[in-house]
Amino acid sequence: MSLYDLPLQSLSGGATSLAEYKGQTVLVVNVASKCGLTPQYEGLENLQKRYAARGFTVLGVPCNQFGGQEPGTAEEIETFCSTTYGVTFPMLAKLDVNGDDRHPLYAELTLTPDAAGEAGDIQWNFEKFLLTPDGTVAARFRPRTEPESDEVVEAIERLLPN
């Protein structure tokens, strides 16, 4: 099964899938509104603005599994993201990234090792997975890796379709 085939739900409640981003480079990030790493939204939005015209998108995935740091409703999350950080990139509905109720998307993503060769559970909010335009996982960046770090930017630029 391809990542493109997994059913997802948008933050607004509509059915979606990664197939909507086929042909694009995608940075999938589990996000939270009340985390010490929440300011990474600014860097994520900067990447979105910088590379969107070249076939790139950030895809935010709210998750409340780490210290209850994403407790809000879909409407509260959307309002926070747009008013606090001006987020324009797409967001999915809140889902689990670890444990028995781990969404199938994250069951696949967590098989990918990070730069140190470690795969497995998501460590915390703002873990990042970079997908190639054909939907395979090219890289995994741990939560403390800033979105606009050289490591992330160089990986994105290598994969841009345009």
N, C-alpha and C. Protein backbone atom coordinates (compact mmCIF):
# COMPACT_ATOMS: atom_id res chain seq x y z
N MET A 1 0.85 -1.19 0.00
CA MET A 1 0.00 0.00 0.00
C MET A 1 0.89 1.25 0.00
N SER A 2 0.54 2.19 -0.82
CA SER A 2 1.25 3.46 -0.90
C SER A 2 0.73 4.43 0.15
N LEU A 3 1.59 5.35 0.57
CA LEU A 3 1.14 6.42 1.47
C LEU A 3 -0.02 7.19 0.84
N TYR A 4 -0.04 7.25 -0.48
CA TYR A 4 -1.10 7.96 -1.18
C TYR A 4 -2.48 7.34 -0.97
N ASP A 5 -2.50 6.04 -0.64
CA ASP A 5 -3.76 5.31 -0.52
C ASP A 5 -4.42 5.43 0.86
N LEU A 6 -3.70 5.96 1.83
CA LEU A 6 -4.22 6.01 3.19
C LEU A 6 -5.27 7.10 3.34
N PRO A 7 -6.46 6.75 3.82
CA PRO A 7 -7.49 7.77 4.02
C PRO A 7 -7.13 8.68 5.18
N LEU A 8 -7.31 9.97 4.97
CA LEU A 8 -7.04 10.99 5.98
C LEU A 8 -8.23 11.92 6.06
N GLN A 9 -8.23 12.77 7.07
CA GLN A 9 -9.29 13.76 7.21
C GLN A 9 -8.63 15.12 7.39
N SER A 10 -9.12 16.11 6.69
CA SER A 10 -8.59 17.47 6.83
C SER A 10 -9.05 18.05 8.17
N LEU A 11 -8.39 19.10 8.61
CA LEU A 11 -8.77 19.75 9.86
C LEU A 11 -10.21 20.24 9.81
N SER A 12 -10.66 20.63 8.62
CA SER A 12 -12.04 21.11 8.47
C SER A 12 -13.05 19.98 8.41
N GLY A 13 -12.57 18.72 8.40
CA GLY A 13 -13.47 17.58 8.47
C GLY A 13 -13.69 16.82 7.19
N GLY A 14 -13.19 17.32 6.08
CA GLY A 14 -13.39 16.63 4.81
C GLY A 14 -12.42 15.49 4.59
N ALA A 15 -12.83 14.53 3.78
CA ALA A 15 -11.96 13.41 3.43
C ALA A 15 -10.83 13.92 2.55
N THR A 16 -9.64 13.38 2.77
CA THR A 16 -8.48 13.75 1.96
C THR A 16 -7.51 12.57 1.97
N SER A 17 -6.40 12.73 1.27
CA SER A 17 -5.32 11.75 1.28
C SER A 17 -4.06 12.43 0.78
N LEU A 18 -2.96 11.76 0.94
CA LEU A 18 -1.70 12.31 0.42
C LEU A 18 -1.69 12.33 -1.11
N ALA A 19 -2.61 11.61 -1.74
CA ALA A 19 -2.69 11.63 -3.21
C ALA A 19 -2.91 13.05 -3.73
N GLU A 20 -3.51 13.91 -2.90
CA GLU A 20 -3.70 15.31 -3.31
C GLU A 20 -2.37 16.02 -3.53
N TYR A 21 -1.30 15.47 -2.98
CA TYR A 21 0.02 16.10 -3.07
C TYR A 21 0.97 15.32 -3.97
N LYS A 22 0.43 14.38 -4.73
CA LYS A 22 1.25 13.59 -5.65
C LYS A 22 1.99 14.55 -6.58
N GLY A 23 3.27 14.29 -6.74
CA GLY A 23 4.10 15.15 -7.59
C GLY A 23 4.74 16.31 -6.84
N GLN A 24 4.41 16.46 -5.56
CA GLN A 24 5.00 17.52 -4.74
C GLN A 24 5.92 16.93 -3.68
N THR A 25 6.84 17.74 -3.22
CA THR A 25 7.64 17.41 -2.06
C THR A 25 6.84 17.86 -0.85
N VAL A 26 6.68 16.98 0.15
CA VAL A 26 5.82 17.26 1.30
C VAL A 26 6.61 17.06 2.60
N LEU A 27 6.49 18.02 3.50
CA LEU A 27 7.06 17.90 4.83
C LEU A 27 5.90 17.67 5.80
N VAL A 28 5.78 16.44 6.31
CA VAL A 28 4.71 16.05 7.24
C VAL A 28 5.23 16.29 8.65
N VAL A 29 4.48 17.07 9.44
CA VAL A 29 4.94 17.45 10.78
C VAL A 29 3.80 17.28 11.78
N ASN A 30 4.06 16.53 12.87
CA ASN A 30 3.05 16.48 13.94
C ASN A 30 3.21 17.74 14.79
N VAL A 31 2.14 18.48 14.92
CA VAL A 31 2.18 19.81 15.52
C VAL A 31 1.34 19.89 16.79
N ALA A 32 1.62 20.93 17.59
CA ALA A 32 0.86 21.18 18.81
C ALA A 32 0.90 22.66 19.12
N SER A 33 -0.19 23.19 19.66
CA SER A 33 -0.34 24.62 19.90
C SER A 33 0.23 25.10 21.23
N LYS A 34 0.45 24.19 22.17
CA LYS A 34 0.86 24.61 23.51
C LYS A 34 2.16 23.94 23.94
N CYS A 35 3.11 23.89 23.04
CA CYS A 35 4.39 23.21 23.24
C CYS A 35 5.52 24.23 23.20
N GLY A 36 6.61 23.92 23.87
CA GLY A 36 7.78 24.79 23.80
C GLY A 36 8.33 24.90 22.39
N LEU A 37 8.01 23.93 21.53
CA LEU A 37 8.48 23.95 20.14
C LEU A 37 7.46 24.61 19.19
N THR A 38 6.32 25.04 19.71
CA THR A 38 5.28 25.65 18.88
C THR A 38 5.79 26.79 18.00
N PRO A 39 6.77 27.59 18.43
CA PRO A 39 7.28 28.63 17.53
C PRO A 39 7.85 28.09 16.21
N GLN A 40 8.04 26.77 16.11
CA GLN A 40 8.47 26.21 14.82
C GLN A 40 7.43 26.44 13.73
N TYR A 41 6.18 26.72 14.12
CA TYR A 41 5.17 27.07 13.11
C TYR A 41 5.67 28.20 12.21
N GLU A 42 6.39 29.15 12.77
CA GLU A 42 6.89 30.27 11.98
C GLU A 42 7.83 29.78 10.88
N GLY A 43 8.76 28.92 11.24
CA GLY A 43 9.68 28.37 10.25
C GLY A 43 8.98 27.50 9.23
N LEU A 44 8.00 26.73 9.67
CA LEU A 44 7.23 25.91 8.73
C LEU A 44 6.48 26.78 7.72
N GLU A 45 5.87 27.85 8.20
CA GLU A 45 5.16 28.76 7.30
C GLU A 45 6.14 29.44 6.35
N ASN A 46 7.32 29.79 6.84
CA ASN A 46 8.34 30.40 5.96
C ASN A 46 8.72 29.43 4.84
N LEU A 47 8.89 28.15 5.17
CA LEU A 47 9.19 27.15 4.14
C LEU A 47 8.04 27.06 3.13
N GLN A 48 6.81 27.07 3.63
CA GLN A 48 5.65 27.01 2.76
C GLN A 48 5.65 28.16 1.76
N LYS A 49 5.86 29.36 2.26
CA LYS A 49 5.86 30.53 1.38
C LYS A 49 7.04 30.51 0.41
N ARG A 50 8.17 30.06 0.88
CA ARG A 50 9.39 30.07 0.06
C ARG A 50 9.34 29.07 -1.09
N TYR A 51 8.74 27.89 -0.85
CA TYR A 51 8.83 26.81 -1.83
C TYR A 51 7.51 26.36 -2.45
N ALA A 52 6.39 26.90 -2.03
CA ALA A 52 5.10 26.43 -2.54
C ALA A 52 5.01 26.49 -4.07
N ALA A 53 5.50 27.56 -4.65
CA ALA A 53 5.42 27.72 -6.11
C ALA A 53 6.32 26.72 -6.85
N ARG A 54 7.20 26.07 -6.12
CA ARG A 54 8.12 25.10 -6.73
C ARG A 54 7.69 23.66 -6.46
N GLY A 55 6.46 23.46 -6.01
CA GLY A 55 5.95 22.10 -5.82
C GLY A 55 6.22 21.52 -4.45
N PHE A 56 6.08 22.34 -3.42
CA PHE A 56 6.32 21.92 -2.04
C PHE A 56 5.16 22.31 -1.16
N THR A 57 4.88 21.49 -0.15
CA THR A 57 3.94 21.89 0.88
C THR A 57 4.33 21.28 2.21
N VAL A 58 4.05 22.02 3.25
CA VAL A 58 4.07 21.50 4.61
C VAL A 58 2.68 20.92 4.85
N LEU A 59 2.61 19.83 5.59
CA LEU A 59 1.33 19.24 5.98
C LEU A 59 1.36 19.07 7.50
N GLY A 60 0.56 19.88 8.19
CA GLY A 60 0.51 19.84 9.64
C GLY A 60 -0.44 18.75 10.14
N VAL A 61 0.00 18.03 11.16
CA VAL A 61 -0.78 16.94 11.73
C VAL A 61 -0.90 17.17 13.24
N PRO A 62 -1.97 17.82 13.69
CA PRO A 62 -2.15 18.03 15.13
C PRO A 62 -2.19 16.70 15.89
N CYS A 63 -1.54 16.69 17.05
CA CYS A 63 -1.50 15.50 17.88
C CYS A 63 -1.49 15.92 19.34
N ASN A 64 -2.28 15.26 20.16
CA ASN A 64 -2.40 15.60 21.58
C ASN A 64 -1.75 14.54 22.48
N GLN A 65 -0.82 13.75 21.94
CA GLN A 65 -0.23 12.65 22.70
C GLN A 65 0.95 13.04 23.57
N PHE A 66 1.46 14.24 23.44
CA PHE A 66 2.66 14.64 24.17
C PHE A 66 2.31 15.73 25.16
N GLY A 67 2.08 15.34 26.40
CA GLY A 67 1.78 16.30 27.45
C GLY A 67 0.47 17.03 27.28
N GLY A 68 -0.46 16.49 26.47
CA GLY A 68 -1.75 17.15 26.25
C GLY A 68 -1.60 18.53 25.66
N GLN A 69 -0.60 18.71 24.78
CA GLN A 69 -0.26 20.04 24.28
C GLN A 69 -1.03 20.47 23.02
N GLU A 70 -1.98 19.65 22.61
CA GLU A 70 -2.89 20.03 21.51
C GLU A 70 -4.31 19.66 21.91
N PRO A 71 -4.85 20.33 22.97
CA PRO A 71 -6.15 19.94 23.51
C PRO A 71 -7.35 20.51 22.74
N GLY A 72 -7.14 21.44 21.86
CA GLY A 72 -8.23 22.18 21.24
C GLY A 72 -9.05 21.41 20.24
N THR A 73 -10.18 22.00 19.89
CA THR A 73 -11.01 21.49 18.81
C THR A 73 -10.37 21.88 17.48
N ALA A 74 -10.89 21.33 16.40
CA ALA A 74 -10.39 21.67 15.08
C ALA A 74 -10.48 23.18 14.85
N GLU A 75 -11.58 23.78 15.26
CA GLU A 75 -11.77 25.22 15.06
C GLU A 75 -10.76 26.02 15.88
N GLU A 76 -10.51 25.58 17.12
CA GLU A 76 -9.54 26.28 17.96
C GLU A 76 -8.13 26.16 17.40
N ILE A 77 -7.78 24.99 16.89
CA ILE A 77 -6.46 24.79 16.29
C ILE A 77 -6.31 25.68 15.07
N GLU A 78 -7.32 25.69 14.21
CA GLU A 78 -7.25 26.51 12.99
C GLU A 78 -7.13 27.99 13.34
N THR A 79 -7.89 28.45 14.28
CA THR A 79 -7.84 29.86 14.69
C THR A 79 -6.48 30.20 15.27
N PHE A 80 -5.96 29.36 16.14
CA PHE A 80 -4.64 29.60 16.73
C PHE A 80 -3.57 29.69 15.63
N CYS A 81 -3.57 28.71 14.74
CA CYS A 81 -2.53 28.67 13.70
C CYS A 81 -2.60 29.87 12.76
N SER A 82 -3.80 30.24 12.37
CA SER A 82 -3.92 31.34 11.42
C SER A 82 -3.68 32.69 12.07
N THR A 83 -4.17 32.90 13.28
CA THR A 83 -4.02 34.21 13.90
C THR A 83 -2.66 34.40 14.55
N THR A 84 -2.07 33.35 15.10
CA THR A 84 -0.79 33.48 15.79
C THR A 84 0.39 33.38 14.83
N TYR A 85 0.32 32.48 13.85
CA TYR A 85 1.46 32.24 12.96
C TYR A 85 1.15 32.45 11.49
N GLY A 86 -0.06 32.83 11.15
CA GLY A 86 -0.40 33.07 9.75
C GLY A 86 -0.29 31.82 8.89
N VAL A 87 -0.56 30.67 9.46
CA VAL A 87 -0.39 29.41 8.76
C VAL A 87 -1.32 29.33 7.55
N THR A 88 -0.72 29.02 6.40
CA THR A 88 -1.48 28.83 5.17
C THR A 88 -1.39 27.40 4.65
N PHE A 89 -0.48 26.61 5.22
CA PHE A 89 -0.33 25.23 4.73
C PHE A 89 -1.48 24.36 5.23
N PRO A 90 -1.76 23.26 4.53
CA PRO A 90 -2.86 22.39 4.93
C PRO A 90 -2.60 21.69 6.25
N MET A 91 -3.70 21.44 6.95
CA MET A 91 -3.65 20.75 8.24
C MET A 91 -4.63 19.58 8.20
N LEU A 92 -4.21 18.48 8.80
CA LEU A 92 -5.08 17.33 8.94
C LEU A 92 -5.83 17.40 10.27
N ALA A 93 -6.82 16.54 10.41
CA ALA A 93 -7.51 16.39 11.68
C ALA A 93 -6.53 15.79 12.68
N LYS A 94 -6.78 16.06 13.95
CA LYS A 94 -5.94 15.53 15.02
C LYS A 94 -5.92 14.01 14.95
N LEU A 95 -4.73 13.42 15.14
CA LEU A 95 -4.63 11.97 15.15
C LEU A 95 -3.49 11.52 16.06
N ASP A 96 -3.47 10.21 16.35
CA ASP A 96 -2.43 9.62 17.17
C ASP A 96 -1.25 9.20 16.29
N VAL A 97 -0.04 9.49 16.77
CA VAL A 97 1.17 9.14 16.02
C VAL A 97 1.93 7.97 16.65
N ASN A 98 1.58 7.62 17.89
CA ASN A 98 2.20 6.50 18.61
C ASN A 98 1.11 5.66 19.26
N GLY A 99 1.49 4.47 19.72
CA GLY A 99 0.59 3.64 20.52
C GLY A 99 -0.38 2.80 19.72
N ASP A 100 -1.30 2.19 20.45
CA ASP A 100 -2.25 1.25 19.86
C ASP A 100 -3.16 1.90 18.83
N ASP A 101 -3.45 3.18 18.99
CA ASP A 101 -4.33 3.88 18.05
C ASP A 101 -3.56 4.70 17.02
N ARG A 102 -2.27 4.39 16.86
CA ARG A 102 -1.44 5.10 15.87
C ARG A 102 -2.10 5.03 14.50
N HIS A 103 -2.22 6.17 13.86
CA HIS A 103 -2.81 6.22 12.52
C HIS A 103 -1.92 5.44 11.55
N PRO A 104 -2.50 4.76 10.56
CA PRO A 104 -1.69 4.02 9.58
C PRO A 104 -0.62 4.88 8.89
N LEU A 105 -0.87 6.17 8.70
CA LEU A 105 0.15 7.04 8.12
C LEU A 105 1.42 7.00 8.98
N TYR A 106 1.25 7.13 10.28
CA TYR A 106 2.41 7.13 11.16
C TYR A 106 2.96 5.73 11.40
N ALA A 107 2.16 4.70 11.22
CA ALA A 107 2.68 3.33 11.27
C ALA A 107 3.73 3.16 10.18
N GLU A 108 3.48 3.78 9.02
CA GLU A 108 4.44 3.73 7.92
C GLU A 108 5.60 4.69 8.13
N LEU A 109 5.30 5.94 8.48
CA LEU A 109 6.35 6.94 8.62
C LEU A 109 7.40 6.54 9.66
N THR A 110 6.95 5.97 10.78
CA THR A 110 7.88 5.66 11.87
C THR A 110 8.81 4.49 11.56
N LEU A 111 8.61 3.84 10.44
CA LEU A 111 9.56 2.81 9.99
C LEU A 111 10.84 3.44 9.47
N THR A 112 10.78 4.72 9.13
CA THR A 112 11.92 5.44 8.56
C THR A 112 12.89 5.88 9.65
N PRO A 113 14.18 5.56 9.49
CA PRO A 113 15.15 6.00 10.48
C PRO A 113 15.53 7.47 10.31
N ASP A 114 15.99 8.08 11.41
CA ASP A 114 16.50 9.45 11.35
C ASP A 114 17.97 9.40 10.90
N ALA A 115 18.65 10.52 10.94
CA ALA A 115 20.05 10.61 10.49
C ALA A 115 20.97 9.71 11.31
N ALA A 116 20.59 9.41 12.55
CA ALA A 116 21.40 8.54 13.41
C ALA A 116 21.05 7.06 13.22
N GLY A 117 20.12 6.77 12.31
CA GLY A 117 19.74 5.39 12.02
C GLY A 117 18.66 4.83 12.93
N GLU A 118 18.01 5.69 13.72
CA GLU A 118 16.98 5.24 14.65
C GLU A 118 15.58 5.44 14.06
N ALA A 119 14.84 4.34 13.98
CA ALA A 119 13.44 4.39 13.57
C ALA A 119 12.59 4.26 14.83
N GLY A 120 11.29 4.12 14.65
CA GLY A 120 10.42 3.89 15.80
C GLY A 120 9.59 5.09 16.16
N ASP A 121 9.07 5.05 17.38
CA ASP A 121 8.10 6.04 17.84
C ASP A 121 8.54 7.48 17.64
N ILE A 122 7.52 8.33 17.47
CA ILE A 122 7.71 9.78 17.42
C ILE A 122 8.17 10.20 18.82
N GLN A 123 9.21 11.03 18.89
CA GLN A 123 9.75 11.44 20.19
C GLN A 123 8.93 12.52 20.87
N TRP A 124 8.40 13.48 20.09
CA TRP A 124 7.69 14.61 20.66
C TRP A 124 7.02 15.36 19.52
N ASN A 125 6.37 16.46 19.85
CA ASN A 125 5.77 17.32 18.83
C ASN A 125 6.84 17.85 17.87
N PHE A 126 6.44 18.10 16.64
CA PHE A 126 7.26 18.72 15.61
C PHE A 126 8.34 17.81 15.06
N GLU A 127 8.08 16.50 15.05
CA GLU A 127 8.92 15.57 14.31
C GLU A 127 8.52 15.70 12.84
N LYS A 128 9.51 15.66 11.94
CA LYS A 128 9.28 15.98 10.53
C LYS A 128 9.70 14.83 9.63
N PHE A 129 8.86 14.57 8.62
CA PHE A 129 9.15 13.56 7.60
C PHE A 129 9.07 14.22 6.24
N LEU A 130 10.10 14.07 5.44
CA LEU A 130 10.13 14.67 4.11
C LEU A 130 9.81 13.59 3.08
N LEU A 131 8.76 13.84 2.31
CA LEU A 131 8.32 12.91 1.28
C LEU A 131 8.74 13.40 -0.10
N THR A 132 9.16 12.47 -0.94
CA THR A 132 9.54 12.79 -2.31
C THR A 132 8.28 13.02 -3.15
N PRO A 133 8.42 13.59 -4.33
CA PRO A 133 7.24 13.78 -5.19
C PRO A 133 6.54 12.48 -5.58
N ASP A 134 7.21 11.33 -5.44
CA ASP A 134 6.53 10.06 -5.73
C ASP A 134 5.97 9.40 -4.47
N GLY A 135 6.03 10.11 -3.31
CA GLY A 135 5.38 9.64 -2.11
C GLY A 135 6.19 8.73 -1.22
N THR A 136 7.49 8.63 -1.45
CA THR A 136 8.32 7.84 -0.55
C THR A 136 8.97 8.76 0.49
N VAL A 137 9.32 8.17 1.63
CA VAL A 137 9.92 8.96 2.70
C VAL A 137 11.42 9.09 2.43
N ALA A 138 11.88 10.33 2.32
CA ALA A 138 13.28 10.60 2.00
C ALA A 138 14.11 10.90 3.24
N ALA A 139 13.49 11.49 4.27
CA ALA A 139 14.26 11.90 5.44
C ALA A 139 13.34 12.06 6.64
N ARG A 140 13.94 11.91 7.81
CA ARG A 140 13.23 12.10 9.07
C ARG A 140 14.06 13.05 9.93
N PHE A 141 13.41 14.06 10.46
CA PHE A 141 14.08 15.05 11.30
C PHE A 141 13.40 15.07 12.65
N ARG A 142 14.18 14.95 13.71
CA ARG A 142 13.64 14.92 15.06
C ARG A 142 13.12 16.29 15.48
N PRO A 143 12.33 16.34 16.56
CA PRO A 143 11.61 17.56 16.93
C PRO A 143 12.47 18.82 17.09
N ARG A 144 13.64 18.70 17.62
CA ARG A 144 14.45 19.91 17.87
C ARG A 144 15.15 20.44 16.62
N THR A 145 15.06 19.71 15.52
CA THR A 145 15.62 20.20 14.27
C THR A 145 14.70 21.30 13.74
N GLU A 146 15.22 22.51 13.68
CA GLU A 146 14.42 23.66 13.24
C GLU A 146 14.02 23.50 11.77
N PRO A 147 12.81 23.92 11.42
CA PRO A 147 12.36 23.79 10.03
C PRO A 147 13.28 24.46 9.02
N GLU A 148 13.86 25.60 9.39
CA GLU A 148 14.71 26.32 8.44
C GLU A 148 16.20 26.03 8.63
N SER A 149 16.51 24.92 9.30
CA SER A 149 17.91 24.52 9.46
C SER A 149 18.48 24.15 8.09
N ASP A 150 19.79 24.25 7.96
CA ASP A 150 20.44 23.88 6.70
C ASP A 150 20.09 22.46 6.31
N GLU A 151 20.06 21.58 7.28
CA GLU A 151 19.78 20.16 7.04
C GLU A 151 18.42 19.97 6.36
N VAL A 152 17.40 20.63 6.85
CA VAL A 152 16.06 20.49 6.29
C VAL A 152 15.96 21.21 4.94
N VAL A 153 16.43 22.44 4.88
CA VAL A 153 16.35 23.22 3.64
C VAL A 153 17.08 22.53 2.49
N GLU A 154 18.27 22.02 2.76
CA GLU A 154 19.03 21.34 1.69
C GLU A 154 18.30 20.09 1.22
N ALA A 155 17.70 19.34 2.13
CA ALA A 155 16.94 18.14 1.75
C ALA A 155 15.73 18.52 0.90
N ILE A 156 15.02 19.57 1.29
CA ILE A 156 13.88 20.03 0.50
C ILE A 156 14.33 20.44 -0.90
N GLU A 157 15.37 21.25 -0.97
CA GLU A 157 15.83 21.76 -2.27
C GLU A 157 16.28 20.65 -3.21
N ARG A 158 16.83 19.57 -2.66
CA ARG A 158 17.25 18.42 -3.50
C ARG A 158 16.04 17.73 -4.12
N LEU A 159 14.89 17.81 -3.46
CA LEU A 159 13.72 17.04 -3.91
C LEU A 159 12.67 17.86 -4.65
N LEU A 160 12.82 19.16 -4.71
CA LEU A 160 11.78 19.98 -5.35
C LEU A 160 11.59 19.57 -6.81
N PRO A 161 10.35 19.40 -7.22
CA PRO A 161 10.09 19.00 -8.60
C PRO A 161 10.26 20.15 -9.60
N ASN A 162 10.15 21.39 -9.16
CA ASN A 162 10.24 22.55 -10.08
C ASN A 162 11.43 23.42 -9.74
